[in-house]
């Protein structure tokens, strides 16, 4: 494998890991919010707020990783 293919595979791996991080943080916020809503009875409050928090946290992680790579 030459150097260009190796660099491309490494970049694709990084991109996949960042995408996985975004999806994982979003679903973690969603499921944690649903669980807290079931416990407290405040139906959409925790689901919406923690879902948004998970999305924002995922984008912050992506932003930090892309700045670190440059």
PDB file of N, CA and C in Angstrom:
ATOM      1  N   UNK A   1       0.860  -1.174   0.000  1.00  0.00           N
ATOM      2  CA  UNK A   1       0.000   0.000   0.000  1.00  0.00           C
ATOM      3  C   UNK A   1       0.907   1.238   0.000  1.00  0.00           C
ATOM      4  N   UNK A   2       0.611   2.160  -0.886  1.00  0.00           N
ATOM      5  CA  UNK A   2       1.446   3.355  -0.938  1.00  0.00           C
ATOM      6  C   UNK A   2       0.991   4.388   0.086  1.00  0.00           C
ATOM      7  N   UNK A   3       1.743   5.483   0.168  1.00  0.00           N
ATOM      8  CA  UNK A   3       1.511   6.481   1.204  1.00  0.00           C
ATOM      9  C   UNK A   3       0.163   7.181   1.042  1.00  0.00           C
ATOM     10  N   UNK A   4      -0.270   7.454  -0.195  1.00  0.00           N
ATOM     11  CA  UNK A   4      -1.551   8.133  -0.419  1.00  0.00           C
ATOM     12  C   UNK A   4      -2.732   7.291   0.071  1.00  0.00           C
ATOM     13  N   UNK A   5      -2.697   5.991  -0.208  1.00  0.00           N
ATOM     14  CA  UNK A   5      -3.775   5.118   0.261  1.00  0.00           C
ATOM     15  C   UNK A   5      -3.794   5.028   1.778  1.00  0.00           C
ATOM     16  N   UNK A   6      -2.616   4.988   2.377  1.00  0.00           N
ATOM     17  CA  UNK A   6      -2.526   4.916   3.827  1.00  0.00           C
ATOM     18  C   UNK A   6      -3.098   6.172   4.474  1.00  0.00           C
ATOM     19  N   UNK A   7      -2.763   7.328   3.924  1.00  0.00           N
ATOM     20  CA  UNK A   7      -3.282   8.587   4.461  1.00  0.00           C
ATOM     21  C   UNK A   7      -4.795   8.685   4.270  1.00  0.00           C
ATOM     22  N   UNK A   8      -5.285   8.199   3.133  1.00  0.00           N
ATOM     23  CA  UNK A   8      -6.713   8.244   2.867  1.00  0.00           C
ATOM     24  C   UNK A   8      -7.474   7.327   3.834  1.00  0.00           C
ATOM     25  N   UNK A   9      -6.951   6.142   4.087  1.00  0.00           N
ATOM     26  CA  UNK A   9      -7.587   5.232   5.027  1.00  0.00           C
ATOM     27  C   UNK A   9      -7.581   5.800   6.443  1.00  0.00           C
ATOM     28  N   UNK A  10      -6.498   6.459   6.808  1.00  0.00           N
ATOM     29  CA  UNK A  10      -6.432   7.085   8.127  1.00  0.00           C
ATOM     30  C   UNK A  10      -7.454   8.212   8.245  1.00  0.00           C
ATOM     31  N   UNK A  11      -7.607   9.018   7.200  1.00  0.00           N
ATOM     32  CA  UNK A  11      -8.588  10.103   7.202  1.00  0.00           C
ATOM     33  C   UNK A  11     -10.012   9.554   7.259  1.00  0.00           C
ATOM     34  N   UNK A  12     -10.283   8.484   6.538  1.00  0.00           N
ATOM     35  CA  UNK A  12     -11.606   7.864   6.578  1.00  0.00           C
ATOM     36  C   UNK A  12     -11.906   7.271   7.953  1.00  0.00           C
ATOM     37  N   UNK A  13     -10.894   6.708   8.581  1.00  0.00           N
ATOM     38  CA  UNK A  13     -11.068   6.189   9.926  1.00  0.00           C
ATOM     39  C   UNK A  13     -11.386   7.289  10.924  1.00  0.00           C
ATOM     40  N   UNK A  14     -10.693   8.414  10.796  1.00  0.00           N
ATOM     41  CA  UNK A  14     -10.957   9.555  11.671  1.00  0.00           C
ATOM     42  C   UNK A  14     -12.354  10.099  11.439  1.00  0.00           C
ATOM     43  N   UNK A  15     -12.748  10.204  10.192  1.00  0.00           N
ATOM     44  CA  UNK A  15     -14.082  10.691   9.860  1.00  0.00           C
ATOM     45  C   UNK A  15     -15.161   9.757  10.406  1.00  0.00           C
ATOM     46  N   UNK A  16     -14.951   8.474  10.289  1.00  0.00           N
ATOM     47  CA  UNK A  16     -15.901   7.507  10.826  1.00  0.00           C
ATOM     48  C   UNK A  16     -16.005   7.589  12.342  1.00  0.00           C
ATOM     49  N   UNK A  17     -14.876   7.772  13.002  1.00  0.00           N
ATOM     50  CA  UNK A  17     -14.887   7.885  14.460  1.00  0.00           C
ATOM     51  C   UNK A  17     -15.620   9.150  14.904  1.00  0.00           C
ATOM     52  N   UNK A  18     -15.430  10.243  14.185  1.00  0.00           N
ATOM     53  CA  UNK A  18     -16.131  11.482  14.523  1.00  0.00           C
ATOM     54  C   UNK A  18     -17.637  11.346  14.297  1.00  0.00           C
ATOM     55  N   UNK A  19     -18.021  10.692  13.223  1.00  0.00           N
ATOM     56  CA  UNK A  19     -19.442  10.453  12.970  1.00  0.00           C
ATOM     57  C   UNK A  19     -20.057   9.572  14.037  1.00  0.00           C
ATOM     58  N   UNK A  20     -19.321   8.547  14.457  1.00  0.00           N
ATOM     59  CA  UNK A  20     -19.799   7.666  15.517  1.00  0.00           C
ATOM     60  C   UNK A  20     -19.962   8.437  16.828  1.00  0.00           C
ATOM     61  N   UNK A  21     -19.029   9.348  17.098  1.00  0.00           N
ATOM     62  CA  UNK A  21     -19.106  10.169  18.305  1.00  0.00           C
ATOM     63  C   UNK A  21     -20.352  11.038  18.297  1.00  0.00           C
ATOM     64  N   UNK A  22     -20.661  11.647  17.165  1.00  0.00           N
ATOM     65  CA  UNK A  22     -21.848  12.491  17.064  1.00  0.00           C
ATOM     66  C   UNK A  22     -23.120  11.679  17.281  1.00  0.00           C
ATOM     67  N   UNK A  23     -23.211  10.539  16.649  1.00  0.00           N
ATOM     68  CA  UNK A  23     -24.394   9.687  16.788  1.00  0.00           C
ATOM     69  C   UNK A  23     -24.518   9.165  18.220  1.00  0.00           C
ATOM     70  N   UNK A  24     -23.410   8.739  18.798  1.00  0.00           N
ATOM     71  CA  UNK A  24     -23.444   8.194  20.152  1.00  0.00           C
ATOM     72  C   UNK A  24     -23.850   9.249  21.177  1.00  0.00           C
ATOM     73  N   UNK A  25     -23.312  10.452  21.075  1.00  0.00           N
ATOM     74  CA  UNK A  25     -23.672  11.496  22.038  1.00  0.00           C
ATOM     75  C   UNK A  25     -25.133  11.916  21.872  1.00  0.00           C
ATOM     76  N   UNK A  26     -25.624  11.930  20.636  1.00  0.00           N
ATOM     77  CA  UNK A  26     -27.021  12.279  20.400  1.00  0.00           C
ATOM     78  C   UNK A  26     -27.959  11.243  21.016  1.00  0.00           C
ATOM     79  N   UNK A  27     -27.687   9.966  20.756  1.00  0.00           N
ATOM     80  CA  UNK A  27     -28.542   8.915  21.307  1.00  0.00           C
ATOM     81  C   UNK A  27     -28.407   8.799  22.820  1.00  0.00           C
ATOM     82  N   UNK A  28     -27.224   9.062  23.353  1.00  0.00           N
ATOM     83  CA  UNK A  28     -27.053   9.028  24.808  1.00  0.00           C
ATOM     84  C   UNK A  28     -27.923  10.098  25.456  1.00  0.00           C
ATOM     85  N   UNK A  29     -27.911  11.302  24.903  1.00  0.00           N
ATOM     86  CA  UNK A  29     -28.767  12.359  25.436  1.00  0.00           C
ATOM     87  C   UNK A  29     -30.236  12.022  25.305  1.00  0.00           C
ATOM     88  N   UNK A  30     -30.617  11.446  24.179  1.00  0.00           N
ATOM     89  CA  UNK A  30     -32.012  11.083  23.951  1.00  0.00           C
ATOM     90  C   UNK A  30     -32.488  10.034  24.953  1.00  0.00           C
ATOM     91  N   UNK A  31     -31.739   8.949  25.080  1.00  0.00           N
ATOM     92  CA  UNK A  31     -32.176   7.867  25.964  1.00  0.00           C
ATOM     93  C   UNK A  31     -32.104   8.263  27.436  1.00  0.00           C
ATOM     94  N   UNK A  32     -31.119   9.057  27.804  1.00  0.00           N
ATOM     95  CA  UNK A  32     -31.064   9.545  29.177  1.00  0.00           C
ATOM     96  C   UNK A  32     -32.248  10.461  29.468  1.00  0.00           C
ATOM     97  N   UNK A  33     -32.603  11.299  28.509  1.00  0.00           N
ATOM     98  CA  UNK A  33     -33.762  12.173  28.670  1.00  0.00           C
ATOM     99  C   UNK A  33     -35.061  11.402  28.775  1.00  0.00           C
ATOM    100  N   UNK A  34     -35.218  10.386  27.950  1.00  0.00           N
ATOM    101  CA  UNK A  34     -36.424   9.553  28.023  1.00  0.00           C
ATOM    102  C   UNK A  34     -36.503   8.864  29.378  1.00  0.00           C
ATOM    103  N   UNK A  35     -35.385   8.357  29.856  1.00  0.00           N
ATOM    104  CA  UNK A  35     -35.377   7.696  31.157  1.00  0.00           C
ATOM    105  C   UNK A  35     -35.727   8.646  32.293  1.00  0.00           C
ATOM    106  N   UNK A  36     -35.162   9.838  32.266  1.00  0.00           N
ATOM    107  CA  UNK A  36     -35.475  10.814  33.313  1.00  0.00           C
ATOM    108  C   UNK A  36     -36.923  11.283  33.227  1.00  0.00           C
ATOM    109  N   UNK A  37     -37.455  11.389  32.022  1.00  0.00           N
ATOM    110  CA  UNK A  37     -38.860  11.767  31.872  1.00  0.00           C
ATOM    111  C   UNK A  37     -39.782  10.696  32.454  1.00  0.00           C
ATOM    112  N   UNK A  38     -39.436   9.429  32.276  1.00  0.00           N
ATOM    113  CA  UNK A  38     -40.257   8.354  32.846  1.00  0.00           C
ATOM    114  C   UNK A  38     -40.205   8.383  34.366  1.00  0.00           C
ATOM    115  N   UNK A  39     -39.041   8.699  34.925  1.00  0.00           N
ATOM    116  CA  UNK A  39     -38.890   8.721  36.376  1.00  0.00           C
ATOM    117  C   UNK A  39     -39.620   9.910  36.985  1.00  0.00           C
ATOM    118  N   UNK A  40     -39.462  11.083  36.359  1.00  0.00           N
ATOM    119  CA  UNK A  40     -40.007  12.311  36.951  1.00  0.00           C
ATOM    120  C   UNK A  40     -41.419  12.626  36.504  1.00  0.00           C
ATOM    121  N   UNK A  41     -41.835  12.111  35.357  1.00  0.00           N
ATOM    122  CA  UNK A  41     -43.169  12.410  34.847  1.00  0.00           C
ATOM    123  C   UNK A  41     -43.251  13.734  34.096  1.00  0.00           C
ATOM    124  N   UNK A  42     -42.131  14.371  33.863  1.00  0.00           N
ATOM    125  CA  UNK A  42     -42.100  15.635  33.103  1.00  0.00           C
ATOM    126  C   UNK A  42     -41.824  15.304  31.642  1.00  0.00           C
ATOM    127  N   UNK A  43     -42.858  14.816  30.963  1.00  0.00           N
ATOM    128  CA  UNK A  43     -42.729  14.121  29.683  1.00  0.00           C
ATOM    129  C   UNK A  43     -41.740  14.725  28.674  1.00  0.00           C
ATOM    130  N   UNK A  44     -41.917  15.884  28.098  1.00  0.00           N
ATOM    131  CA  UNK A  44     -40.959  16.237  27.055  1.00  0.00           C
ATOM    132  C   UNK A  44     -39.755  17.047  27.551  1.00  0.00           C
ATOM    133  N   UNK A  45     -39.732  17.435  28.805  1.00  0.00           N
ATOM    134  CA  UNK A  45     -38.713  18.364  29.287  1.00  0.00           C
ATOM    135  C   UNK A  45     -37.295  17.807  29.173  1.00  0.00           C
ATOM    136  N   UNK A  46     -37.037  16.691  29.807  1.00  0.00           N
ATOM    137  CA  UNK A  46     -35.691  16.133  29.800  1.00  0.00           C
ATOM    138  C   UNK A  46     -35.314  15.555  28.439  1.00  0.00           C
ATOM    139  N   UNK A  47     -36.281  14.989  27.740  1.00  0.00           N
ATOM    140  CA  UNK A  47     -35.984  14.413  26.428  1.00  0.00           C
ATOM    141  C   UNK A  47     -35.472  15.485  25.473  1.00  0.00           C
ATOM    142  N   UNK A  48     -36.175  16.575  25.389  1.00  0.00           N
ATOM    143  CA  UNK A  48     -35.780  17.639  24.459  1.00  0.00           C
ATOM    144  C   UNK A  48     -34.474  18.291  24.896  1.00  0.00           C
ATOM    145  N   UNK A  49     -34.373  18.612  26.180  1.00  0.00           N
ATOM    146  CA  UNK A  49     -33.182  19.325  26.638  1.00  0.00           C
ATOM    147  C   UNK A  49     -31.925  18.459  26.547  1.00  0.00           C
ATOM    148  N   UNK A  50     -32.014  17.196  26.936  1.00  0.00           N
ATOM    149  CA  UNK A  50     -30.826  16.343  26.866  1.00  0.00           C
ATOM    150  C   UNK A  50     -30.515  15.904  25.434  1.00  0.00           C
ATOM    151  N   UNK A  51     -31.518  15.813  24.590  1.00  0.00           N
ATOM    152  CA  UNK A  51     -31.256  15.544  23.176  1.00  0.00           C
ATOM    153  C   UNK A  51     -30.466  16.695  22.568  1.00  0.00           C
ATOM    154  N   UNK A  52     -30.898  17.913  22.821  1.00  0.00           N
ATOM    155  CA  UNK A  52     -30.164  19.075  22.312  1.00  0.00           C
ATOM    156  C   UNK A  52     -28.762  19.148  22.912  1.00  0.00           C
ATOM    157  N   UNK A  53     -28.643  18.842  24.195  1.00  0.00           N
ATOM    158  CA  UNK A  53     -27.339  18.833  24.842  1.00  0.00           C
ATOM    159  C   UNK A  53     -26.417  17.800  24.194  1.00  0.00           C
ATOM    160  N   UNK A  54     -26.933  16.625  23.881  1.00  0.00           N
ATOM    161  CA  UNK A  54     -26.134  15.592  23.231  1.00  0.00           C
ATOM    162  C   UNK A  54     -25.678  16.000  21.844  1.00  0.00           C
ATOM    163  N   UNK A  55     -26.568  16.645  21.091  1.00  0.00           N
ATOM    164  CA  UNK A  55     -26.204  17.119  19.750  1.00  0.00           C
ATOM    165  C   UNK A  55     -25.110  18.165  19.838  1.00  0.00           C
ATOM    166  N   UNK A  56     -25.284  19.131  20.739  1.00  0.00           N
ATOM    167  CA  UNK A  56     -24.280  20.191  20.896  1.00  0.00           C
ATOM    168  C   UNK A  56     -22.950  19.603  21.371  1.00  0.00           C
ATOM    169  N   UNK A  57     -22.990  18.671  22.309  1.00  0.00           N
ATOM    170  CA  UNK A  57     -21.765  18.049  22.799  1.00  0.00           C
ATOM    171  C   UNK A  57     -21.035  17.304  21.683  1.00  0.00           C
ATOM    172  N   UNK A  58     -21.782  16.638  20.821  1.00  0.00           N
ATOM    173  CA  UNK A  58     -21.166  15.945  19.688  1.00  0.00           C
ATOM    174  C   UNK A  58     -20.493  16.903  18.726  1.00  0.00           C
ATOM    175  N   UNK A  59     -21.155  18.015  18.430  1.00  0.00           N
ATOM    176  CA  UNK A  59     -20.551  18.988  17.519  1.00  0.00           C
ATOM    177  C   UNK A  59     -19.345  19.676  18.144  1.00  0.00           C
ATOM    178  N   UNK A  60     -19.381  19.913  19.449  1.00  0.00           N
ATOM    179  CA  UNK A  60     -18.215  20.502  20.116  1.00  0.00           C
ATOM    180  C   UNK A  60     -17.027  19.544  20.036  1.00  0.00           C
ATOM    181  N   UNK A  61     -17.280  18.255  20.241  1.00  0.00           N
ATOM    182  CA  UNK A  61     -16.214  17.254  20.136  1.00  0.00           C
ATOM    183  C   UNK A  61     -15.642  17.220  18.721  1.00  0.00           C
ATOM    184  N   UNK A  62     -16.503  17.267  17.715  1.00  0.00           N
ATOM    185  CA  UNK A  62     -16.029  17.277  16.332  1.00  0.00           C
ATOM    186  C   UNK A  62     -15.206  18.537  16.065  1.00  0.00           C
ATOM    187  N   UNK A  63     -15.688  19.673  16.542  1.00  0.00           N
ATOM    188  CA  UNK A  63     -14.978  20.932  16.347  1.00  0.00           C
ATOM    189  C   UNK A  63     -13.593  20.875  16.997  1.00  0.00           C
ATOM    190  N   UNK A  64     -13.510  20.386  18.233  1.00  0.00           N
ATOM    191  CA  UNK A  64     -12.222  20.296  18.922  1.00  0.00           C
ATOM    192  C   UNK A  64     -11.262  19.353  18.211  1.00  0.00           C
ATOM    193  N   UNK A  65     -11.769  18.228  17.729  1.00  0.00           N
ATOM    194  CA  UNK A  65     -10.916  17.264  17.039  1.00  0.00           C
ATOM    195  C   UNK A  65     -10.394  17.826  15.708  1.00  0.00           C
ATOM    196  N   UNK A  66     -11.236  18.548  14.986  1.00  0.00           N
ATOM    197  CA  UNK A  66     -10.776  19.081  13.705  1.00  0.00           C
ATOM    198  C   UNK A  66      -9.793  20.228  13.904  1.00  0.00           C
ATOM    199  N   UNK A  67      -9.958  21.002  14.963  1.00  0.00           N
ATOM    200  CA  UNK A  67      -8.996  22.077  15.245  1.00  0.00           C
ATOM    201  C   UNK A  67      -7.671  21.474  15.675  1.00  0.00           C
ATOM    202  N   UNK A  68      -7.717  20.389  16.460  1.00  0.00           N
ATOM    203  CA  UNK A  68      -6.495  19.736  16.941  1.00  0.00           C
ATOM    204  C   UNK A  68      -5.698  19.137  15.781  1.00  0.00           C
ATOM    205  N   UNK A  69      -6.372  18.654  14.752  1.00  0.00           N
ATOM    206  CA  UNK A  69      -5.710  18.008  13.619  1.00  0.00           C
ATOM    207  C   UNK A  69      -4.966  19.009  12.727  1.00  0.00           C
ATOM    208  N   UNK A  70      -5.362  20.265  12.766  1.00  0.00           N
ATOM    209  CA  UNK A  70      -4.741  21.264  11.871  1.00  0.00           C
ATOM    210  C   UNK A  70      -3.455  21.796  12.421  1.00  0.00           C
TER     211      UNK A  70
END
